[in-house]
Amino acid sequence: MSNSKPRLALFDLDHTLLPIDSDYSWGVYTSTIGWTDPAEFNRRNDEFYAHYKAGTLDIHDYVRFATDAVRRKGPEAAARAHAGFMQQVVLPELHPDALALVRSHQAAGDQVVIVTATNEFVTRPIAQAFGVSELIAVTLARGADGWITGEIDGVPSAREGKVTRVEQWLAARGQAWGTVHITFYSDSINDLSLLERVNEPVATNPDERLRAIASARGWRILDLFDKK
């Protein structure tokens, strides 16, 4: 029976646990600290974000673009900048209801994992701020010097790739879809394939298309906050 199985709670990050898009906001932040030309960067950032919302994003192109300034600045400057980003942009957006939702699953003994299409550099500290140690994010390839190259290592955790990455995560722990009871919270139509795969899909702050699908299929709909 499902209630005797280990329970796994998966959370998308941007617009699900956070009311902002962390990847987009990081890009804006790098412009404010002088790492990029604001007008050109914002034009391209907006273009990529429109593709993401439309489900037409080439994630490899986007990751090269999004990590360009980080690659050039190097690990020490990148770490300092990200600490400023956390303090100024992310931490003020940690919503009490989102934190409480994560804590409720942890208190129930569920394994909590954040599954995001944003890269690990941007999202690892954010996951930690939520008290979540398990993160499935876009893994960045690293060169001989140990620093990121702008390429993606392995399957990107985006769209159908989230299903693959969760399968890999389960397999690494001797588990599979049938051996655990999985709840997944997401706002985005981009995550439909994973929402359809889990035991309990929860449309969380859903976009218009996902809200319509969730309503038609009788999925739970949860509104934690107004998205920005």
C-alpha atoms as a PDB file:
ATOM      1  CA  MET A   1       0.000   0.000   0.000  1.00  0.00           C
ATOM      2  CA  SER A   2       1.212   3.475  -0.834  1.00  0.00           C
ATOM      3  CA  ASN A   3       0.999   4.735   2.728  1.00  0.00           C
ATOM      4  CA  SER A   4       3.526   2.109   3.848  1.00  0.00           C
ATOM      5  CA  LYS A   5       6.117   3.252   1.326  1.00  0.00           C
ATOM      6  CA  PRO A   6       8.807   5.855   1.974  1.00  0.00           C
ATOM      7  CA  ARG A   7       7.467   9.272   1.076  1.00  0.00           C
ATOM      8  CA  LEU A   8       9.226  11.755  -1.151  1.00  0.00           C
ATOM      9  CA  ALA A   9       8.239  15.415  -1.529  1.00  0.00           C
ATOM     10  CA  LEU A  10       9.600  17.081  -4.650  1.00  0.00           C
ATOM     11  CA  PHE A  11       9.478  20.841  -5.075  1.00  0.00           C
ATOM     12  CA  ASP A  12      10.112  22.971  -8.106  1.00  0.00           C
ATOM     13  CA  LEU A  13      11.823  26.187  -6.999  1.00  0.00           C
ATOM     14  CA  ASP A  14      11.090  29.277  -9.086  1.00  0.00           C
ATOM     15  CA  HIS A  15       7.516  30.543  -8.703  1.00  0.00           C
ATOM     16  CA  THR A  16       6.728  27.443  -6.636  1.00  0.00           C
ATOM     17  CA  LEU A  17       8.710  27.938  -3.425  1.00  0.00           C
ATOM     18  CA  LEU A  18       9.965  31.376  -4.459  1.00  0.00           C
ATOM     19  CA  PRO A  19       7.739  34.103  -5.926  1.00  0.00           C
ATOM     20  CA  ILE A  20      10.622  35.083  -8.221  1.00  0.00           C
ATOM     21  CA  ASP A  21      12.629  33.337 -10.924  1.00  0.00           C
ATOM     22  CA  SER A  22      16.045  32.875  -9.317  1.00  0.00           C
ATOM     23  CA  ASP A  23      17.919  32.433 -12.601  1.00  0.00           C
ATOM     24  CA  TYR A  24      16.397  35.556 -14.154  1.00  0.00           C
ATOM     25  CA  SER A  25      16.889  37.526 -10.940  1.00  0.00           C
ATOM     26  CA  TRP A  26      20.537  36.457 -10.695  1.00  0.00           C
ATOM     27  CA  GLY A  27      21.075  37.777 -14.212  1.00  0.00           C
ATOM     28  CA  VAL A  28      19.508  41.100 -13.297  1.00  0.00           C
ATOM     29  CA  TYR A  29      21.657  41.245 -10.157  1.00  0.00           C
ATOM     30  CA  THR A  30      24.872  40.719 -12.126  1.00  0.00           C
ATOM     31  CA  SER A  31      23.929  43.706 -14.245  1.00  0.00           C
ATOM     32  CA  THR A  32      23.360  45.870 -11.179  1.00  0.00           C
ATOM     33  CA  ILE A  33      26.863  45.071  -9.881  1.00  0.00           C
ATOM     34  CA  GLY A  34      28.439  45.926 -13.226  1.00  0.00           C
ATOM     35  CA  TRP A  35      29.254  42.477 -14.538  1.00  0.00           C
ATOM     36  CA  THR A  36      27.279  42.872 -17.748  1.00  0.00           C
ATOM     37  CA  ASP A  37      25.932  45.623 -19.976  1.00  0.00           C
ATOM     38  CA  PRO A  38      22.449  46.145 -18.546  1.00  0.00           C
ATOM     39  CA  ALA A  39      20.624  46.962 -21.766  1.00  0.00           C
ATOM     40  CA  GLU A  40      22.041  44.096 -23.835  1.00  0.00           C
ATOM     41  CA  PHE A  41      21.938  41.573 -21.001  1.00  0.00           C
ATOM     42  CA  ASN A  42      18.362  42.420 -20.076  1.00  0.00           C
ATOM     43  CA  ARG A  43      17.270  42.198 -23.702  1.00  0.00           C
ATOM     44  CA  ARG A  44      18.686  38.682 -24.050  1.00  0.00           C
ATOM     45  CA  ASN A  45      17.562  37.648 -20.559  1.00  0.00           C
ATOM     46  CA  ASP A  46      13.994  38.720 -21.355  1.00  0.00           C
ATOM     47  CA  GLU A  47      14.155  36.836 -24.649  1.00  0.00           C
ATOM     48  CA  PHE A  48      15.283  33.608 -22.980  1.00  0.00           C
ATOM     49  CA  TYR A  49      12.670  34.005 -20.237  1.00  0.00           C
ATOM     50  CA  ALA A  50       9.910  34.384 -22.827  1.00  0.00           C
ATOM     51  CA  HIS A  51      11.084  31.138 -24.434  1.00  0.00           C
ATOM     52  CA  TYR A  52      11.061  29.441 -21.022  1.00  0.00           C
ATOM     53  CA  LYS A  53       7.470  30.490 -20.343  1.00  0.00           C
ATOM     54  CA  ALA A  54       6.482  29.329 -23.837  1.00  0.00           C
ATOM     55  CA  GLY A  55       8.206  25.973 -23.353  1.00  0.00           C
ATOM     56  CA  THR A  56      10.633  26.611 -26.239  1.00  0.00           C
ATOM     57  CA  LEU A  57      13.836  27.326 -24.325  1.00  0.00           C
ATOM     58  CA  ASP A  58      17.126  25.839 -25.589  1.00  0.00           C
ATOM     59  CA  ILE A  59      18.588  25.234 -22.161  1.00  0.00           C
ATOM     60  CA  HIS A  60      22.133  24.664 -23.431  1.00  0.00           C
ATOM     61  CA  ASP A  61      22.190  28.091 -25.100  1.00  0.00           C
ATOM     62  CA  TYR A  62      20.639  29.642 -22.043  1.00  0.00           C
ATOM     63  CA  VAL A  63      23.140  28.139 -19.587  1.00  0.00           C
ATOM     64  CA  ARG A  64      26.060  29.360 -21.708  1.00  0.00           C
ATOM     65  CA  PHE A  65      24.543  32.840 -21.625  1.00  0.00           C
ATOM     66  CA  ALA A  66      23.551  32.771 -17.950  1.00  0.00           C
ATOM     67  CA  THR A  67      26.938  31.568 -16.699  1.00  0.00           C
ATOM     68  CA  ASP A  68      29.132  33.709 -18.952  1.00  0.00           C
ATOM     69  CA  ALA A  69      29.838  36.421 -16.375  1.00  0.00           C
ATOM     70  CA  VAL A  70      30.404  33.866 -13.608  1.00  0.00           C
ATOM     71  CA  ARG A  71      32.904  31.969 -15.757  1.00  0.00           C
ATOM     72  CA  ARG A  72      34.831  35.141 -16.532  1.00  0.00           C
ATOM     73  CA  LYS A  73      34.887  36.454 -12.960  1.00  0.00           C
ATOM     74  CA  GLY A  74      36.086  33.202 -11.379  1.00  0.00           C
ATOM     75  CA  PRO A  75      35.026  31.274  -8.260  1.00  0.00           C
ATOM     76  CA  GLU A  76      35.999  33.757  -5.539  1.00  0.00           C
ATOM     77  CA  ALA A  77      34.266  36.756  -7.101  1.00  0.00           C
ATOM     78  CA  ALA A  78      31.299  34.565  -8.013  1.00  0.00           C
ATOM     79  CA  ALA A  79      30.916  33.358  -4.422  1.00  0.00           C
ATOM     80  CA  ARG A  80      31.039  36.921  -3.090  1.00  0.00           C
ATOM     81  CA  ALA A  81      28.470  38.074  -5.622  1.00  0.00           C
ATOM     82  CA  HIS A  82      26.144  35.187  -4.847  1.00  0.00           C
ATOM     83  CA  ALA A  83      26.312  35.972  -1.126  1.00  0.00           C
ATOM     84  CA  GLY A  84      25.174  39.505  -1.936  1.00  0.00           C
ATOM     85  CA  PHE A  85      22.441  38.127  -4.186  1.00  0.00           C
ATOM     86  CA  MET A  86      21.163  35.921  -1.370  1.00  0.00           C
ATOM     87  CA  GLN A  87      21.061  38.785   1.121  1.00  0.00           C
ATOM     88  CA  GLN A  88      19.600  41.430  -1.159  1.00  0.00           C
ATOM     89  CA  VAL A  89      17.314  39.451  -3.460  1.00  0.00           C
ATOM     90  CA  VAL A  90      16.531  35.913  -2.306  1.00  0.00           C
ATOM     91  CA  LEU A  91      16.202  35.988   1.475  1.00  0.00           C
ATOM     92  CA  PRO A  92      13.604  38.796   1.420  1.00  0.00           C
ATOM     93  CA  GLU A  93      11.511  36.542  -0.844  1.00  0.00           C
ATOM     94  CA  LEU A  94      11.438  33.494   1.449  1.00  0.00           C
ATOM     95  CA  HIS A  95       7.715  33.299   2.040  1.00  0.00           C
ATOM     96  CA  PRO A  96       6.558  31.978   5.448  1.00  0.00           C
ATOM     97  CA  ASP A  97       3.924  29.721   3.863  1.00  0.00           C
ATOM     98  CA  ALA A  98       6.505  28.173   1.515  1.00  0.00           C
ATOM     99  CA  LEU A  99       8.915  27.555   4.395  1.00  0.00           C
ATOM    100  CA  ALA A 100       6.096  26.068   6.467  1.00  0.00           C
ATOM    101  CA  LEU A 101       5.118  23.717   3.629  1.00  0.00           C
ATOM    102  CA  VAL A 102       8.664  22.378   3.355  1.00  0.00           C
ATOM    103  CA  ARG A 103       8.911  22.029   7.133  1.00  0.00           C
ATOM    104  CA  SER A 104       5.610  20.144   7.292  1.00  0.00           C
ATOM    105  CA  HIS A 105       6.941  17.457   4.964  1.00  0.00           C
ATOM    106  CA  GLN A 106      10.199  17.252   6.877  1.00  0.00           C
ATOM    107  CA  ALA A 107       8.337  16.977  10.179  1.00  0.00           C
ATOM    108  CA  ALA A 108       6.267  14.121   8.734  1.00  0.00           C
ATOM    109  CA  GLY A 109       9.461  12.246   7.931  1.00  0.00           C
ATOM    110  CA  ASP A 110       9.277  12.753   4.174  1.00  0.00           C
ATOM    111  CA  GLN A 111      12.465  13.064   2.134  1.00  0.00           C
ATOM    112  CA  VAL A 112      12.403  16.558   0.602  1.00  0.00           C
ATOM    113  CA  VAL A 113      14.131  17.309  -2.692  1.00  0.00           C
ATOM    114  CA  ILE A 114      14.163  20.505  -4.728  1.00  0.00           C
ATOM    115  CA  VAL A 115      14.032  19.757  -8.468  1.00  0.00           C
ATOM    116  CA  THR A 116      14.783  22.791 -10.597  1.00  0.00           C
ATOM    117  CA  ALA A 117      15.709  23.710 -14.152  1.00  0.00           C
ATOM    118  CA  THR A 118      17.996  26.425 -12.788  1.00  0.00           C
ATOM    119  CA  ASN A 119      21.690  25.596 -12.470  1.00  0.00           C
ATOM    120  CA  GLU A 120      23.328  24.376  -9.288  1.00  0.00           C
ATOM    121  CA  PHE A 121      25.502  27.478  -8.825  1.00  0.00           C
ATOM    122  CA  VAL A 122      22.462  29.703  -8.456  1.00  0.00           C
ATOM    123  CA  THR A 123      20.251  27.260  -6.550  1.00  0.00           C
ATOM    124  CA  ARG A 124      22.414  25.341  -4.052  1.00  0.00           C
ATOM    125  CA  PRO A 125      22.514  28.217  -1.526  1.00  0.00           C
ATOM    126  CA  ILE A 126      18.779  28.791  -2.031  1.00  0.00           C
ATOM    127  CA  ALA A 127      17.996  25.144  -1.277  1.00  0.00           C
ATOM    128  CA  GLN A 128      20.112  25.446   1.851  1.00  0.00           C
ATOM    129  CA  ALA A 129      18.155  28.539   2.890  1.00  0.00           C
ATOM    130  CA  PHE A 130      15.023  26.386   2.764  1.00  0.00           C
ATOM    131  CA  GLY A 131      16.765  23.771   4.892  1.00  0.00           C
ATOM    132  CA  VAL A 132      16.862  21.279   1.996  1.00  0.00           C
ATOM    133  CA  SER A 133      20.086  19.366   1.399  1.00  0.00           C
ATOM    134  CA  GLU A 134      18.921  17.299  -1.582  1.00  0.00           C
ATOM    135  CA  LEU A 135      18.967  19.286  -4.823  1.00  0.00           C
ATOM    136  CA  ILE A 136      18.399  18.114  -8.369  1.00  0.00           C
ATOM    137  CA  ALA A 137      19.479  21.038 -10.544  1.00  0.00           C
ATOM    138  CA  VAL A 138      21.206  21.619 -13.871  1.00  0.00           C
ATOM    139  CA  THR A 139      24.710  20.291 -13.245  1.00  0.00           C
ATOM    140  CA  LEU A 140      27.448  22.496 -14.676  1.00  0.00           C
ATOM    141  CA  ALA A 141      30.405  20.891 -16.426  1.00  0.00           C
ATOM    142  CA  ARG A 142      33.803  21.827 -15.051  1.00  0.00           C
ATOM    143  CA  GLY A 143      37.135  22.148 -16.773  1.00  0.00           C
ATOM    144  CA  ALA A 144      40.578  20.925 -15.761  1.00  0.00           C
ATOM    145  CA  ASP A 145      40.907  23.920 -13.435  1.00  0.00           C
ATOM    146  CA  GLY A 146      37.748  22.869 -11.576  1.00  0.00           C
ATOM    147  CA  TRP A 147      35.759  25.908 -12.670  1.00  0.00           C
ATOM    148  CA  ILE A 148      32.575  25.874 -14.729  1.00  0.00           C
ATOM    149  CA  THR A 149      32.818  25.824 -18.520  1.00  0.00           C
ATOM    150  CA  GLY A 150      29.318  27.003 -19.450  1.00  0.00           C
ATOM    151  CA  GLU A 151      28.270  23.565 -20.642  1.00  0.00           C
ATOM    152  CA  ILE A 152      25.844  21.174 -18.951  1.00  0.00           C
ATOM    153  CA  ASP A 153      27.033  17.911 -17.400  1.00  0.00           C
ATOM    154  CA  GLY A 154      24.573  15.092 -18.017  1.00  0.00           C
ATOM    155  CA  VAL A 155      20.842  15.421 -18.514  1.00  0.00           C
ATOM    156  CA  PRO A 156      19.505  18.916 -17.748  1.00  0.00           C
ATOM    157  CA  SER A 157      16.740  18.873 -15.142  1.00  0.00           C
ATOM    158  CA  ALA A 158      14.271  20.677 -17.392  1.00  0.00           C
ATOM    159  CA  ARG A 159      10.947  19.540 -18.827  1.00  0.00           C
ATOM    160  CA  GLU A 160      11.112  15.754 -19.508  1.00  0.00           C
ATOM    161  CA  GLY A 161      14.673  15.819 -18.173  1.00  0.00           C
ATOM    162  CA  LYS A 162      13.263  16.237 -14.685  1.00  0.00           C
ATOM    163  CA  VAL A 163      11.699  12.775 -14.965  1.00  0.00           C
ATOM    164  CA  THR A 164      15.050  11.310 -16.019  1.00  0.00           C
ATOM    165  CA  ARG A 165      16.956  13.067 -13.249  1.00  0.00           C
ATOM    166  CA  VAL A 166      14.471  11.941 -10.585  1.00  0.00           C
ATOM    167  CA  GLU A 167      14.752   8.378 -11.907  1.00  0.00           C
ATOM    168  CA  GLN A 168      18.526   8.618 -11.620  1.00  0.00           C
ATOM    169  CA  TRP A 169      18.260  10.043  -8.108  1.00  0.00           C
ATOM    170  CA  LEU A 170      15.982   7.189  -7.054  1.00  0.00           C
ATOM    171  CA  ALA A 171      18.146   4.523  -8.680  1.00  0.00           C
ATOM    172  CA  ALA A 172      21.243   5.819  -6.901  1.00  0.00           C
ATOM    173  CA  ARG A 173      19.405   5.104  -3.631  1.00  0.00           C
ATOM    174  CA  GLY A 174      18.130   1.670  -4.633  1.00  0.00           C
ATOM    175  CA  GLN A 175      14.621   2.977  -5.261  1.00  0.00           C
ATOM    176  CA  ALA A 176      12.246   3.323  -8.199  1.00  0.00           C
ATOM    177  CA  TRP A 177       8.895   4.937  -9.007  1.00  0.00           C
ATOM    178  CA  GLY A 178       6.971   2.005  -7.528  1.00  0.00           C
ATOM    179  CA  THR A 179       8.881   1.812  -4.262  1.00  0.00           C
ATOM    180  CA  VAL A 180       8.192   5.349  -3.012  1.00  0.00           C
ATOM    181  CA  HIS A 181       5.148   7.574  -2.703  1.00  0.00           C
ATOM    182  CA  ILE A 182       5.947  10.852  -4.455  1.00  0.00           C
ATOM    183  CA  THR A 183       4.295  14.257  -4.173  1.00  0.00           C
ATOM    184  CA  PHE A 184       5.452  16.987  -6.561  1.00  0.00           C
ATOM    185  CA  TYR A 185       4.728  20.699  -6.270  1.00  0.00           C
ATOM    186  CA  SER A 186       5.152  22.875  -9.381  1.00  0.00           C
ATOM    187  CA  ASP A 187       3.796  26.043 -10.924  1.00  0.00           C
ATOM    188  CA  SER A 188       4.742  25.358 -14.518  1.00  0.00           C
ATOM    189  CA  ILE A 189       3.386  23.647 -17.600  1.00  0.00           C
ATOM    190  CA  ASN A 190       7.043  22.841 -18.309  1.00  0.00           C
ATOM    191  CA  ASP A 191       6.837  20.283 -15.481  1.00  0.00           C
ATOM    192  CA  LEU A 192       3.772  18.481 -16.793  1.00  0.00           C
ATOM    193  CA  SER A 193       5.651  15.253 -17.557  1.00  0.00           C
ATOM    194  CA  LEU A 194       6.856  14.911 -13.959  1.00  0.00           C
ATOM    195  CA  LEU A 195       3.508  15.974 -12.526  1.00  0.00           C
ATOM    196  CA  GLU A 196       1.896  13.183 -14.552  1.00  0.00           C
ATOM    197  CA  ARG A 197       4.432  10.644 -13.272  1.00  0.00           C
ATOM    198  CA  VAL A 198       4.097  11.116  -9.506  1.00  0.00           C
ATOM    199  CA  ASN A 199       1.465   9.847  -7.069  1.00  0.00           C
ATOM    200  CA  GLU A 200       0.313  13.282  -5.931  1.00  0.00           C
ATOM    201  CA  PRO A 201       0.707  16.202  -8.337  1.00  0.00           C
ATOM    202  CA  VAL A 202       0.092  19.592  -6.748  1.00  0.00           C
ATOM    203  CA  ALA A 203      -0.273  22.592  -9.062  1.00  0.00           C
ATOM    204  CA  THR A 204       1.317  25.292  -6.907  1.00  0.00           C
ATOM    205  CA  ASN A 205       0.837  28.951  -7.854  1.00  0.00           C
ATOM    206  CA  PRO A 206       0.113  27.468 -11.290  1.00  0.00           C
ATOM    207  CA  ASP A 207       0.388  29.288 -14.572  1.00  0.00           C
ATOM    208  CA  GLU A 208      -2.796  29.585 -16.593  1.00  0.00           C
ATOM    209  CA  ARG A 209      -2.247  26.457 -18.677  1.00  0.00           C
ATOM    210  CA  LEU A 210      -1.315  24.268 -15.721  1.00  0.00           C
ATOM    211  CA  ARG A 211      -4.233  25.575 -13.662  1.00  0.00           C
ATOM    212  CA  ALA A 212      -6.632  24.552 -16.417  1.00  0.00           C
ATOM    213  CA  ILE A 213      -5.125  21.057 -16.645  1.00  0.00           C
ATOM    214  CA  ALA A 214      -5.114  20.632 -12.872  1.00  0.00           C
ATOM    215  CA  SER A 215      -8.754  21.705 -12.660  1.00  0.00           C
ATOM    216  CA  ALA A 216      -9.769  19.312 -15.426  1.00  0.00           C
ATOM    217  CA  ARG A 217      -7.933  16.373 -13.867  1.00  0.00           C
ATOM    218  CA  GLY A 218      -8.908  17.040 -10.285  1.00  0.00           C
ATOM    219  CA  TRP A 219      -5.377  17.720  -9.098  1.00  0.00           C
ATOM    220  CA  ARG A 220      -4.854  19.699  -5.933  1.00  0.00           C
ATOM    221  CA  ILE A 221      -4.234  23.403  -6.559  1.00  0.00           C
ATOM    222  CA  LEU A 222      -2.266  25.364  -3.983  1.00  0.00           C
ATOM    223  CA  ASP A 223      -1.754  29.115  -4.053  1.00  0.00           C
ATOM    224  CA  LEU A 224       1.065  30.105  -1.668  1.00  0.00           C
ATOM    225  CA  PHE A 225       1.590  33.653  -2.899  1.00  0.00           C
ATOM    226  CA  ASP A 226       1.219  35.987  -5.843  1.00  0.00           C
ATOM    227  CA  LYS A 227       3.953  35.405  -8.397  1.00  0.00           C
ATOM    228  CA  LYS A 228       6.110  38.317  -9.522  1.00  0.00           C
END
